[in-house]
Amino acid sequence: MPIANMFEGEWVEVEAPRGGKGVVRNRKLLGEEDLQTPVMGVSYGIVPPSAAIGLHEHPTEQDFYVILEGQGRAVVDGEERQVGPGDVFVNSLGGNHALENTGDTDLVMLAWCVRATQ
């Protein structure tokens, strides 16, 4: 049984992720090799103030984001909304999404990427 801790492991820093801005840190918790489901991966991410994950599409999968800390602006399938702790959002299959930190502290999140099933 795979066990991961979101406070342990290597950080990957991504500059201007998906055409966004700033540097976002990501820690892979679980990958396809750990799972027996359509879940492609689970990660723990930090989006610093003013940083953003740019608008991008998911033609064959959906991303689920859970905001743990901070404040941001999410765009999901063309709809914009302010998000904060406790908010969960997901793009539609074939849809798109983006996330920007609009607060003064780190925006902390968990993300799941799930492949569509046939």
PDB file of N, CA and C in Angstrom:
ATOM      1  N   MET A   1       0.852  -1.177   0.000  1.00  0.00           N
ATOM      2  CA  MET A   1       0.000   0.000   0.000  1.00  0.00           C
ATOM      3  C   MET A   1       0.893   1.234   0.000  1.00  0.00           C
ATOM      4  N   PRO A   2       0.751   2.095  -1.008  1.00  0.00           N
ATOM      5  CA  PRO A   2       1.562   3.310  -1.037  1.00  0.00           C
ATOM      6  C   PRO A   2       1.117   4.298   0.049  1.00  0.00           C
ATOM      7  N   ILE A   3       2.092   4.870   0.703  1.00  0.00           N
ATOM      8  CA  ILE A   3       1.840   5.914   1.688  1.00  0.00           C
ATOM      9  C   ILE A   3       2.730   7.091   1.334  1.00  0.00           C
ATOM     10  N   ALA A   4       2.158   8.286   1.337  1.00  0.00           N
ATOM     11  CA  ALA A   4       2.921   9.496   1.029  1.00  0.00           C
ATOM     12  C   ALA A   4       2.641  10.533   2.100  1.00  0.00           C
ATOM     13  N   ASN A   5       3.592  11.404   2.315  1.00  0.00           N
ATOM     14  CA  ASN A   5       3.434  12.507   3.256  1.00  0.00           C
ATOM     15  C   ASN A   5       3.687  13.795   2.495  1.00  0.00           C
ATOM     16  N   MET A   6       2.718  14.708   2.531  1.00  0.00           N
ATOM     17  CA  MET A   6       2.855  15.921   1.733  1.00  0.00           C
ATOM     18  C   MET A   6       3.930  16.863   2.251  1.00  0.00           C
ATOM     19  N   PHE A   7       4.473  16.601   3.437  1.00  0.00           N
ATOM     20  CA  PHE A   7       5.520  17.447   3.995  1.00  0.00           C
ATOM     21  C   PHE A   7       6.911  16.857   3.806  1.00  0.00           C
ATOM     22  N   GLU A   8       6.989  15.728   3.119  1.00  0.00           N
ATOM     23  CA  GLU A   8       8.273  15.072   2.877  1.00  0.00           C
ATOM     24  C   GLU A   8       8.463  14.854   1.389  1.00  0.00           C
ATOM     25  N   GLY A   9       9.705  14.805   0.964  1.00  0.00           N
ATOM     26  CA  GLY A   9      10.002  14.546  -0.439  1.00  0.00           C
ATOM     27  C   GLY A   9      10.534  15.776  -1.141  1.00  0.00           C
ATOM     28  N   GLU A  10      10.934  15.565  -2.377  1.00  0.00           N
ATOM     29  CA  GLU A  10      11.549  16.627  -3.176  1.00  0.00           C
ATOM     30  C   GLU A  10      10.516  17.575  -3.759  1.00  0.00           C
ATOM     31  N   TRP A  11      10.876  18.851  -3.777  1.00  0.00           N
ATOM     32  CA  TRP A  11      10.078  19.859  -4.462  1.00  0.00           C
ATOM     33  C   TRP A  11      10.563  19.973  -5.896  1.00  0.00           C
ATOM     34  N   VAL A  12       9.640  20.153  -6.808  1.00  0.00           N
ATOM     35  CA  VAL A  12       9.970  20.497  -8.181  1.00  0.00           C
ATOM     36  C   VAL A  12       9.494  21.928  -8.380  1.00  0.00           C
ATOM     37  N   GLU A  13      10.386  22.789  -8.842  1.00  0.00           N
ATOM     38  CA  GLU A  13      10.011  24.181  -9.113  1.00  0.00           C
ATOM     39  C   GLU A  13       9.757  24.328 -10.602  1.00  0.00           C
ATOM     40  N   VAL A  14       8.607  24.886 -10.932  1.00  0.00           N
ATOM     41  CA  VAL A  14       8.212  25.058 -12.325  1.00  0.00           C
ATOM     42  C   VAL A  14       8.044  26.542 -12.594  1.00  0.00           C
ATOM     43  N   GLU A  15       8.834  27.056 -13.519  1.00  0.00           N
ATOM     44  CA  GLU A  15       8.753  28.466 -13.897  1.00  0.00           C
ATOM     45  C   GLU A  15       7.630  28.658 -14.907  1.00  0.00           C
ATOM     46  N   ALA A  16       6.779  29.650 -14.659  1.00  0.00           N
ATOM     47  CA  ALA A  16       5.656  29.998 -15.544  1.00  0.00           C
ATOM     48  C   ALA A  16       4.880  28.749 -15.989  1.00  0.00           C
ATOM     49  N   PRO A  17       4.344  27.982 -15.023  1.00  0.00           N
ATOM     50  CA  PRO A  17       3.666  26.736 -15.384  1.00  0.00           C
ATOM     51  C   PRO A  17       2.482  26.950 -16.319  1.00  0.00           C
ATOM     52  N   ARG A  18       2.465  26.150 -17.373  1.00  0.00           N
ATOM     53  CA  ARG A  18       1.367  26.187 -18.357  1.00  0.00           C
ATOM     54  C   ARG A  18       1.149  27.593 -18.909  1.00  0.00           C
ATOM     55  N   GLY A  19       2.245  28.354 -19.049  1.00  0.00           N
ATOM     56  CA  GLY A  19       2.147  29.708 -19.576  1.00  0.00           C
ATOM     57  C   GLY A  19       1.722  30.730 -18.536  1.00  0.00           C
ATOM     58  N   GLY A  20       1.762  30.350 -17.262  1.00  0.00           N
ATOM     59  CA  GLY A  20       1.393  31.262 -16.175  1.00  0.00           C
ATOM     60  C   GLY A  20       2.525  32.218 -15.852  1.00  0.00           C
ATOM     61  N   LYS A  21       2.694  32.519 -14.561  1.00  0.00           N
ATOM     62  CA  LYS A  21       3.761  33.448 -14.181  1.00  0.00           C
ATOM     63  C   LYS A  21       4.340  33.047 -12.831  1.00  0.00           C
ATOM     64  N   GLY A  22       5.577  33.461 -12.605  1.00  0.00           N
ATOM     65  CA  GLY A  22       6.244  33.143 -11.360  1.00  0.00           C
ATOM     66  C   GLY A  22       6.719  31.702 -11.321  1.00  0.00           C
ATOM     67  N   VAL A  23       7.084  31.265 -10.136  1.00  0.00           N
ATOM     68  CA  VAL A  23       7.570  29.900  -9.922  1.00  0.00           C
ATOM     69  C   VAL A  23       6.621  29.195  -8.953  1.00  0.00           C
ATOM     70  N   VAL A  24       6.106  28.048  -9.359  1.00  0.00           N
ATOM     71  CA  VAL A  24       5.203  27.245  -8.543  1.00  0.00           C
ATOM     72  C   VAL A  24       5.972  26.006  -8.091  1.00  0.00           C
ATOM     73  N   ARG A  25       5.800  25.642  -6.824  1.00  0.00           N
ATOM     74  CA  ARG A  25       6.462  24.443  -6.298  1.00  0.00           C
ATOM     75  C   ARG A  25       5.454  23.302  -6.213  1.00  0.00           C
ATOM     76  N   ASN A  26       5.915  22.125  -6.571  1.00  0.00           N
ATOM     77  CA  ASN A  26       5.044  20.960  -6.613  1.00  0.00           C
ATOM     78  C   ASN A  26       5.785  19.755  -6.026  1.00  0.00           C
ATOM     79  N   ARG A  27       5.092  18.986  -5.237  1.00  0.00           N
ATOM     80  CA  ARG A  27       5.652  17.757  -4.679  1.00  0.00           C
ATOM     81  C   ARG A  27       4.733  16.598  -5.074  1.00  0.00           C
ATOM     82  N   LYS A  28       5.254  15.675  -5.867  1.00  0.00           N
ATOM     83  CA  LYS A  28       4.469  14.502  -6.273  1.00  0.00           C
ATOM     84  C   LYS A  28       4.290  13.597  -5.070  1.00  0.00           C
ATOM     85  N   LEU A  29       3.044  13.275  -4.761  1.00  0.00           N
ATOM     86  CA  LEU A  29       2.751  12.376  -3.656  1.00  0.00           C
ATOM     87  C   LEU A  29       2.573  10.947  -4.140  1.00  0.00           C
ATOM     88  N   LEU A  30       1.751  10.768  -5.160  1.00  0.00           N
ATOM     89  CA  LEU A  30       1.483   9.454  -5.729  1.00  0.00           C
ATOM     90  C   LEU A  30       1.416   9.577  -7.241  1.00  0.00           C
ATOM     91  N   GLY A  31       1.923   8.562  -7.934  1.00  0.00           N
ATOM     92  CA  GLY A  31       1.867   8.533  -9.390  1.00  0.00           C
ATOM     93  C   GLY A  31       1.130   7.306  -9.875  1.00  0.00           C
ATOM     94  N   GLU A  32       0.992   7.199 -11.190  1.00  0.00           N
ATOM     95  CA  GLU A  32       0.281   6.054 -11.771  1.00  0.00           C
ATOM     96  C   GLU A  32       0.858   4.727 -11.305  1.00  0.00           C
ATOM     97  N   GLU A  33       2.165   4.705 -11.083  1.00  0.00           N
ATOM     98  CA  GLU A  33       2.815   3.461 -10.659  1.00  0.00           C
ATOM     99  C   GLU A  33       2.378   3.030  -9.257  1.00  0.00           C
ATOM    100  N   ASP A  34       1.816   3.964  -8.482  1.00  0.00           N
ATOM    101  CA  ASP A  34       1.372   3.674  -7.119  1.00  0.00           C
ATOM    102  C   ASP A  34      -0.101   3.300  -7.033  1.00  0.00           C
ATOM    103  N   LEU A  35      -0.842   3.514  -8.114  1.00  0.00           N
ATOM    104  CA  LEU A  35      -2.300   3.435  -8.051  1.00  0.00           C
ATOM    105  C   LEU A  35      -2.854   2.402  -9.022  1.00  0.00           C
ATOM    106  N   GLN A  36      -4.025   1.915  -8.740  1.00  0.00           N
ATOM    107  CA  GLN A  36      -4.689   0.929  -9.600  1.00  0.00           C
ATOM    108  C   GLN A  36      -6.036   1.466 -10.076  1.00  0.00           C
ATOM    109  N   THR A  37      -6.073   2.752 -10.342  1.00  0.00           N
ATOM    110  CA  THR A  37      -7.297   3.441 -10.739  1.00  0.00           C
ATOM    111  C   THR A  37      -6.977   4.376 -11.899  1.00  0.00           C
ATOM    112  N   PRO A  38      -7.964   5.075 -12.426  1.00  0.00           N
ATOM    113  CA  PRO A  38      -7.685   6.065 -13.471  1.00  0.00           C
ATOM    114  C   PRO A  38      -6.974   7.330 -12.951  1.00  0.00           C
ATOM    115  N   VAL A  39      -6.677   7.383 -11.649  1.00  0.00           N
ATOM    116  CA  VAL A  39      -5.951   8.533 -11.106  1.00  0.00           C
ATOM    117  C   VAL A  39      -4.520   8.479 -11.624  1.00  0.00           C
ATOM    118  N   MET A  40      -4.095   9.542 -12.298  1.00  0.00           N
ATOM    119  CA  MET A  40      -2.757   9.599 -12.872  1.00  0.00           C
ATOM    120  C   MET A  40      -1.731  10.110 -11.866  1.00  0.00           C
ATOM    121  N   GLY A  41      -2.200  10.851 -10.877  1.00  0.00           N
ATOM    122  CA  GLY A  41      -1.275  11.355  -9.876  1.00  0.00           C
ATOM    123  C   GLY A  41      -1.952  12.246  -8.872  1.00  0.00           C
ATOM    124  N   VAL A  42      -1.298  12.368  -7.720  1.00  0.00           N
ATOM    125  CA  VAL A  42      -1.734  13.260  -6.649  1.00  0.00           C
ATOM    126  C   VAL A  42      -0.522  14.090  -6.269  1.00  0.00           C
ATOM    127  N   SER A  43      -0.709  15.402  -6.154  1.00  0.00           N
ATOM    128  CA  SER A  43       0.410  16.270  -5.806  1.00  0.00           C
ATOM    129  C   SER A  43      -0.005  17.340  -4.810  1.00  0.00           C
ATOM    130  N   TYR A  44       1.010  17.873  -4.163  1.00  0.00           N
ATOM    131  CA  TYR A  44       0.878  18.942  -3.177  1.00  0.00           C
ATOM    132  C   TYR A  44       1.572  20.137  -3.797  1.00  0.00           C
ATOM    133  N   GLY A  45       0.878  21.255  -3.901  1.00  0.00           N
ATOM    134  CA  GLY A  45       1.452  22.400  -4.594  1.00  0.00           C
ATOM    135  C   GLY A  45       1.373  23.688  -3.805  1.00  0.00           C
ATOM    136  N   ILE A  46       2.337  24.562  -4.078  1.00  0.00           N
ATOM    137  CA  ILE A  46       2.365  25.889  -3.477  1.00  0.00           C
ATOM    138  C   ILE A  46       2.505  26.914  -4.597  1.00  0.00           C
ATOM    139  N   VAL A  47       1.538  27.829  -4.652  1.00  0.00           N
ATOM    140  CA  VAL A  47       1.549  28.926  -5.615  1.00  0.00           C
ATOM    141  C   VAL A  47       1.814  30.197  -4.804  1.00  0.00           C
ATOM    142  N   PRO A  48       3.012  30.783  -4.920  1.00  0.00           N
ATOM    143  CA  PRO A  48       3.344  31.983  -4.143  1.00  0.00           C
ATOM    144  C   PRO A  48       2.496  33.190  -4.571  1.00  0.00           C
ATOM    145  N   PRO A  49       2.466  34.246  -3.745  1.00  0.00           N
ATOM    146  CA  PRO A  49       1.738  35.456  -4.128  1.00  0.00           C
ATOM    147  C   PRO A  49       2.132  35.937  -5.524  1.00  0.00           C
ATOM    148  N   SER A  50       1.141  36.317  -6.306  1.00  0.00           N
ATOM    149  CA  SER A  50       1.283  36.828  -7.677  1.00  0.00           C
ATOM    150  C   SER A  50       1.662  35.773  -8.705  1.00  0.00           C
ATOM    151  N   ALA A  51       1.921  34.542  -8.307  1.00  0.00           N
ATOM    152  CA  ALA A  51       2.231  33.483  -9.275  1.00  0.00           C
ATOM    153  C   ALA A  51       0.932  32.881  -9.796  1.00  0.00           C
ATOM    154  N   ALA A  52       1.023  32.187 -10.926  1.00  0.00           N
ATOM    155  CA  ALA A  52      -0.176  31.618 -11.541  1.00  0.00           C
ATOM    156  C   ALA A  52       0.156  30.409 -12.388  1.00  0.00           C
ATOM    157  N   ILE A  53      -0.782  29.465 -12.409  1.00  0.00           N
ATOM    158  CA  ILE A  53      -0.780  28.361 -13.359  1.00  0.00           C
ATOM    159  C   ILE A  53      -1.651  28.828 -14.513  1.00  0.00           C
ATOM    160  N   GLY A  54      -1.089  28.885 -15.705  1.00  0.00           N
ATOM    161  CA  GLY A  54      -1.802  29.433 -16.850  1.00  0.00           C
ATOM    162  C   GLY A  54      -2.957  28.563 -17.325  1.00  0.00           C
ATOM    163  N   LEU A  55      -3.826  29.162 -18.109  1.00  0.00           N
ATOM    164  CA  LEU A  55      -4.981  28.465 -18.669  1.00  0.00           C
ATOM    165  C   LEU A  55      -4.497  27.345 -19.586  1.00  0.00           C
ATOM    166  N   HIS A  56      -4.978  26.139 -19.336  1.00  0.00           N
ATOM    167  CA  HIS A  56      -4.596  24.991 -20.151  1.00  0.00           C
ATOM    168  C   HIS A  56      -5.737  23.992 -20.231  1.00  0.00           C
ATOM    169  N   GLU A  57      -5.699  23.175 -21.277  1.00  0.00           N
ATOM    170  CA  GLU A  57      -6.761  22.213 -21.543  1.00  0.00           C
ATOM    171  C   GLU A  57      -6.381  20.822 -21.066  1.00  0.00           C
ATOM    172  N   HIS A  58      -7.413  20.020 -20.837  1.00  0.00           N
ATOM    173  CA  HIS A  58      -7.258  18.611 -20.504  1.00  0.00           C
ATOM    174  C   HIS A  58      -8.189  17.806 -21.404  1.00  0.00           C
ATOM    175  N   PRO A  59      -7.703  17.398 -22.571  1.00  0.00           N
ATOM    176  CA  PRO A  59      -8.584  16.699 -23.505  1.00  0.00           C
ATOM    177  C   PRO A  59      -9.016  15.306 -23.052  1.00  0.00           C
ATOM    178  N   THR A  60      -8.202  14.630 -22.229  1.00  0.00           N
ATOM    179  CA  THR A  60      -8.532  13.254 -21.855  1.00  0.00           C
ATOM    180  C   THR A  60      -8.501  13.021 -20.348  1.00  0.00           C
ATOM    181  N   GLU A  61      -8.395  14.092 -19.561  1.00  0.00           N
ATOM    182  CA  GLU A  61      -8.389  13.926 -18.112  1.00  0.00           C
ATOM    183  C   GLU A  61      -8.988  15.149 -17.422  1.00  0.00           C
ATOM    184  N   GLN A  62      -9.251  14.981 -16.139  1.00  0.00           N
ATOM    185  CA  GLN A  62      -9.767  16.067 -15.314  1.00  0.00           C
ATOM    186  C   GLN A  62      -8.806  16.293 -14.152  1.00  0.00           C
ATOM    187  N   ASP A  63      -8.639  17.549 -13.781  1.00  0.00           N
ATOM    188  CA  ASP A  63      -7.873  17.903 -12.584  1.00  0.00           C
ATOM    189  C   ASP A  63      -8.845  18.323 -11.493  1.00  0.00           C
ATOM    190  N   PHE A  64      -8.603  17.840 -10.285  1.00  0.00           N
ATOM    191  CA  PHE A  64      -9.364  18.228  -9.103  1.00  0.00           C
ATOM    192  C   PHE A  64      -8.423  18.991  -8.198  1.00  0.00           C
ATOM    193  N   TYR A  65      -8.757  20.212  -7.829  1.00  0.00           N
ATOM    194  CA  TYR A  65      -7.928  21.008  -6.921  1.00  0.00           C
ATOM    195  C   TYR A  65      -8.684  21.204  -5.612  1.00  0.00           C
ATOM    196  N   VAL A  66      -7.980  21.037  -4.508  1.00  0.00           N
ATOM    197  CA  VAL A  66      -8.515  21.331  -3.180  1.00  0.00           C
ATOM    198  C   VAL A  66      -7.627  22.412  -2.590  1.00  0.00           C
ATOM    199  N   ILE A  67      -8.200  23.576  -2.298  1.00  0.00           N
ATOM    200  CA  ILE A  67      -7.440  24.687  -1.728  1.00  0.00           C
ATOM    201  C   ILE A  67      -7.375  24.494  -0.215  1.00  0.00           C
ATOM    202  N   LEU A  68      -6.146  24.435   0.317  1.00  0.00           N
ATOM    203  CA  LEU A  68      -5.933  24.239   1.750  1.00  0.00           C
ATOM    204  C   LEU A  68      -5.677  25.555   2.474  1.00  0.00           C
ATOM    205  N   GLU A  69      -4.922  26.452   1.836  1.00  0.00           N
ATOM    206  CA  GLU A  69      -4.576  27.752   2.430  1.00  0.00           C
ATOM    207  C   GLU A  69      -4.474  28.789   1.329  1.00  0.00           C
ATOM    208  N   GLY A  70      -4.674  30.045   1.699  1.00  0.00           N
ATOM    209  CA  GLY A  70      -4.474  31.150   0.762  1.00  0.00           C
ATOM    210  C   GLY A  70      -5.726  31.533   0.005  1.00  0.00           C
ATOM    211  N   GLN A  71      -5.544  32.512  -0.879  1.00  0.00           N
ATOM    212  CA  GLN A  71      -6.650  33.044  -1.679  1.00  0.00           C
ATOM    213  C   GLN A  71      -6.222  33.089  -3.140  1.00  0.00           C
ATOM    214  N   GLY A  72      -7.171  32.853  -4.027  1.00  0.00           N
ATOM    215  CA  GLY A  72      -6.829  32.875  -5.437  1.00  0.00           C
ATOM    216  C   GLY A  72      -8.024  33.120  -6.324  1.00  0.00           C
ATOM    217  N   ARG A  73      -7.725  33.140  -7.613  1.00  0.00           N
ATOM    218  CA  ARG A  73      -8.743  33.294  -8.651  1.00  0.00           C
ATOM    219  C   ARG A  73      -8.612  32.091  -9.575  1.00  0.00           C
ATOM    220  N   ALA A  74      -9.683  31.330  -9.670  1.00  0.00           N
ATOM    221  CA  ALA A  74      -9.714  30.178 -10.561  1.00  0.00           C
ATOM    222  C   ALA A  74     -10.560  30.510 -11.778  1.00  0.00           C
ATOM    223  N   VAL A  75     -10.112  30.053 -12.928  1.00  0.00           N
ATOM    224  CA  VAL A  75     -10.917  30.098 -14.142  1.00  0.00           C
ATOM    225  C   VAL A  75     -11.117  28.645 -14.542  1.00  0.00           C
ATOM    226  N   VAL A  76     -12.372  28.224 -14.586  1.00  0.00           N
ATOM    227  CA  VAL A  76     -12.696  26.840 -14.913  1.00  0.00           C
ATOM    228  C   VAL A  76     -13.730  26.837 -16.027  1.00  0.00           C
ATOM    229  N   ASP A  77     -13.328  26.321 -17.183  1.00  0.00           N
ATOM    230  CA  ASP A  77     -14.228  26.234 -18.337  1.00  0.00           C
ATOM    231  C   ASP A  77     -14.890  27.577 -18.629  1.00  0.00           C
ATOM    232  N   GLY A  78     -14.091  28.652 -18.554  1.00  0.00           N
ATOM    233  CA  GLY A  78     -14.563  29.985 -18.896  1.00  0.00           C
ATOM    234  C   GLY A  78     -15.226  30.755 -17.776  1.00  0.00           C
ATOM    235  N   GLU A  79     -15.438  30.127 -16.631  1.00  0.00           N
ATOM    236  CA  GLU A  79     -16.069  30.797 -15.497  1.00  0.00           C
ATOM    237  C   GLU A  79     -15.019  31.152 -14.453  1.00  0.00           C
ATOM    238  N   GLU A  80     -15.021  32.411 -14.014  1.00  0.00           N
ATOM    239  CA  GLU A  80     -14.050  32.899 -13.038  1.00  0.00           C
ATOM    240  C   GLU A  80     -14.677  32.934 -11.653  1.00  0.00           C
ATOM    241  N   ARG A  81     -13.867  32.547 -10.636  1.00  0.00           N
ATOM    242  CA  ARG A  81     -14.361  32.537  -9.270  1.00  0.00           C
ATOM    243  C   ARG A  81     -13.209  32.714  -8.289  1.00  0.00           C
ATOM    244  N   GLN A  82     -13.476  33.404  -7.198  1.00  0.00           N
ATOM    245  CA  GLN A  82     -12.492  33.521  -6.121  1.00  0.00           C
ATOM    246  C   GLN A  82     -12.521  32.221  -5.326  1.00  0.00           C
ATOM    247  N   VAL A  83     -11.337  31.733  -4.931  1.00  0.00           N
ATOM    248  CA  VAL A  83     -11.249  30.487  -4.170  1.00  0.00           C
ATOM    249  C   VAL A  83     -10.391  30.691  -2.929  1.00  0.00           C
ATOM    250  N   GLY A  84     -10.677  29.894  -1.912  1.00  0.00           N
ATOM    251  CA  GLY A  84      -9.931  29.941  -0.663  1.00  0.00           C
ATOM    252  C   GLY A  84     -10.020  28.604   0.037  1.00  0.00           C
ATOM    253  N   PRO A  85      -9.553  28.538   1.281  1.00  0.00           N
ATOM    254  CA  PRO A  85      -9.515  27.277   2.018  1.00  0.00           C
ATOM    255  C   PRO A  85     -10.858  26.548   2.012  1.00  0.00           C
ATOM    256  N   GLY A  86     -10.788  25.256   1.671  1.00  0.00           N
ATOM    257  CA  GLY A  86     -11.985  24.432   1.634  1.00  0.00           C
ATOM    258  C   GLY A  86     -12.634  24.344   0.271  1.00  0.00           C
ATOM    259  N   ASP A  87     -12.265  25.223  -0.650  1.00  0.00           N
ATOM    260  CA  ASP A  87     -12.862  25.169  -1.985  1.00  0.00           C
ATOM    261  C   ASP A  87     -12.252  24.031  -2.798  1.00  0.00           C
ATOM    262  N   VAL A  88     -13.109  23.383  -3.576  1.00  0.00           N
ATOM    263  CA  VAL A  88     -12.712  22.307  -4.467  1.00  0.00           C
ATOM    264  C   VAL A  88     -13.226  22.658  -5.852  1.00  0.00           C
ATOM    265  N   PHE A  89     -12.386  22.505  -6.864  1.00  0.00           N
ATOM    266  CA  PHE A  89     -12.894  22.722  -8.214  1.00  0.00           C
ATOM    267  C   PHE A  89     -12.282  21.723  -9.178  1.00  0.00           C
ATOM    268  N   VAL A  90     -13.007  21.481 -10.271  1.00  0.00           N
ATOM    269  CA  VAL A  90     -12.597  20.505 -11.273  1.00  0.00           C
ATOM    270  C   VAL A  90     -12.993  21.021 -12.648  1.00  0.00           C
ATOM    271  N   ASN A  91     -12.119  20.815 -13.620  1.00  0.00           N
ATOM    272  CA  ASN A  91     -12.470  21.170 -14.994  1.00  0.00           C
ATOM    273  C   ASN A  91     -13.295  20.039 -15.606  1.00  0.00           C
ATOM    274  N   SER A  92     -14.110  20.373 -16.578  1.00  0.00           N
ATOM    275  CA  SER A  92     -14.871  19.328 -17.272  1.00  0.00           C
ATOM    276  C   SER A  92     -13.921  18.561 -18.194  1.00  0.00           C
ATOM    277  N   LEU A  93     -14.296  17.359 -18.558  1.00  0.00           N
ATOM    278  CA  LEU A  93     -13.498  16.572 -19.483  1.00  0.00           C
ATOM    279  C   LEU A  93     -13.408  17.328 -20.805  1.00  0.00           C
ATOM    280  N   GLY A  94     -12.212  17.566 -21.255  1.00  0.00           N
ATOM    281  CA  GLY A  94     -12.005  18.370 -22.460  1.00  0.00           C
ATOM    282  C   GLY A  94     -12.020  19.857 -22.180  1.00  0.00           C
ATOM    283  N   GLY A  95     -12.209  20.243 -20.915  1.00  0.00           N
ATOM    284  CA  GLY A  95     -12.276  21.656 -20.549  1.00  0.00           C
ATOM    285  C   GLY A  95     -10.909  22.227 -20.224  1.00  0.00           C
ATOM    286  N   ASN A  96     -10.942  23.394 -19.598  1.00  0.00           N
ATOM    287  CA  ASN A  96      -9.688  24.054 -19.259  1.00  0.00           C
ATOM    288  C   ASN A  96      -9.794  24.735 -17.904  1.00  0.00           C
ATOM    289  N   HIS A  97      -8.640  25.098 -17.379  1.00  0.00           N
ATOM    290  CA  HIS A  97      -8.636  25.810 -16.101  1.00  0.00           C
ATOM    291  C   HIS A  97      -7.308  26.526 -15.893  1.00  0.00           C
ATOM    292  N   ALA A  98      -7.329  27.476 -14.953  1.00  0.00           N
ATOM    293  CA  ALA A  98      -6.142  28.245 -14.550  1.00  0.00           C
ATOM    294  C   ALA A  98      -6.322  28.608 -13.083  1.00  0.00           C
ATOM    295  N   LEU A  99      -5.214  28.944 -12.420  1.00  0.00           N
ATOM    296  CA  LEU A  99      -5.271  29.330 -11.013  1.00  0.00           C
ATOM    297  C   LEU A  99      -4.207  30.375 -10.738  1.00  0.00           C
ATOM    298  N   GLU A 100      -4.622  31.480 -10.127  1.00  0.00           N
ATOM    299  CA  GLU A 100      -3.693  32.559  -9.774  1.00  0.00           C
ATOM    300  C   GLU A 100      -3.827  32.873  -8.293  1.00  0.00           C
ATOM    301  N   ASN A 101      -2.686  33.067  -7.636  1.00  0.00           N
ATOM    302  CA  ASN A 101      -2.691  33.482  -6.237  1.00  0.00           C
ATOM    303  C   ASN A 101      -2.910  34.989  -6.215  1.00  0.00           C
ATOM    304  N   THR A 102      -4.003  35.419  -5.603  1.00  0.00           N
ATOM    305  CA  THR A 102      -4.321  36.850  -5.512  1.00  0.00           C
ATOM    306  C   THR A 102      -4.106  37.391  -4.100  1.00  0.00           C
ATOM    307  N   GLY A 103      -3.609  36.553  -3.200  1.00  0.00           N
ATOM    308  CA  GLY A 103      -3.425  36.948  -1.809  1.00  0.00           C
ATOM    309  C   GLY A 103      -1.993  37.347  -1.497  1.00  0.00           C
ATOM    310  N   ASP A 104      -1.750  37.579  -0.208  1.00  0.00           N
ATOM    311  CA  ASP A 104      -0.433  37.988   0.283  1.00  0.00           C
ATOM    312  C   ASP A 104       0.368  36.824   0.854  1.00  0.00           C
ATOM    313  N   THR A 105      -0.228  35.635   0.905  1.00  0.00           N
ATOM    314  CA  THR A 105       0.448  34.448   1.431  1.00  0.00           C
ATOM    315  C   THR A 105       0.382  33.343   0.381  1.00  0.00           C
ATOM    316  N   ASP A 106       1.150  32.293   0.592  1.00  0.00           N
ATOM    317  CA  ASP A 106       1.133  31.169  -0.343  1.00  0.00           C
ATOM    318  C   ASP A 106      -0.260  30.578  -0.468  1.00  0.00           C
ATOM    319  N   LEU A 107      -0.616  30.186  -1.677  1.00  0.00           N
ATOM    320  CA  LEU A 107      -1.820  29.409  -1.922  1.00  0.00           C
ATOM    321  C   LEU A 107      -1.359  27.953  -1.932  1.00  0.00           C
ATOM    322  N   VAL A 108      -1.900  27.150  -1.027  1.00  0.00           N
ATOM    323  CA  VAL A 108      -1.482  25.760  -0.858  1.00  0.00           C
ATOM    324  C   VAL A 108      -2.634  24.865  -1.296  1.00  0.00           C
ATOM    325  N   MET A 109      -2.312  23.822  -2.075  1.00  0.00           N
ATOM    326  CA  MET A 109      -3.380  22.982  -2.620  1.00  0.00           C
ATOM    327  C   MET A 109      -2.931  21.541  -2.764  1.00  0.00           C
ATOM    328  N   LEU A 110      -3.921  20.675  -2.874  1.00  0.00           N
ATOM    329  CA  LEU A 110      -3.728  19.300  -3.303  1.00  0.00           C
ATOM    330  C   LEU A 110      -4.384  19.180  -4.676  1.00  0.00           C
ATOM    331  N   ALA A 111      -3.781  18.396  -5.562  1.00  0.00           N
ATOM    332  CA  ALA A 111      -4.334  18.231  -6.902  1.00  0.00           C
ATOM    333  C   ALA A 111      -4.320  16.757  -7.300  1.00  0.00           C
ATOM    334  N   TRP A 112      -5.411  16.327  -7.928  1.00  0.00           N
ATOM    335  CA  TRP A 112      -5.536  14.988  -8.473  1.00  0.00           C
ATOM    336  C   TRP A 112      -5.737  15.123  -9.975  1.00  0.00           C
ATOM    337  N   CYS A 113      -5.035  14.328 -10.743  1.00  0.00           N
ATOM    338  CA  CYS A 113      -5.268  14.264 -12.174  1.00  0.00           C
ATOM    339  C   CYS A 113      -5.851  12.881 -12.463  1.00  0.00           C
ATOM    340  N   VAL A 114      -7.040  12.869 -13.093  1.00  0.00           N
ATOM    341  CA  VAL A 114      -7.761  11.616 -13.319  1.00  0.00           C
ATOM    342  C   VAL A 114      -8.027  11.437 -14.812  1.00  0.00           C
ATOM    343  N   ARG A 115      -7.622  10.293 -15.354  1.00  0.00           N
ATOM    344  CA  ARG A 115      -7.843   9.969 -16.755  1.00  0.00           C
ATOM    345  C   ARG A 115      -9.281   9.519 -16.955  1.00  0.00           C
ATOM    346  N   ALA A 116      -9.868   9.919 -18.072  1.00  0.00           N
ATOM    347  CA  ALA A 116     -11.226   9.484 -18.400  1.00  0.00           C
ATOM    348  C   ALA A 116     -11.252   7.995 -18.625  1.00  0.00           C
ATOM    349  N   THR A 117     -12.313   7.346 -18.182  1.00  0.00           N
ATOM    350  CA  THR A 117     -12.457   5.905 -18.430  1.00  0.00           C
ATOM    351  C   THR A 117     -13.314   5.688 -19.646  1.00  0.00           C
ATOM    352  N   GLN A 118     -13.133   4.567 -20.282  1.00  0.00           N
ATOM    353  CA  GLN A 118     -13.879   4.248 -21.508  1.00  0.00           C
ATOM    354  C   GLN A 118     -15.246   3.716 -21.170  1.00  0.00           C
TER     355      GLN A 118
END
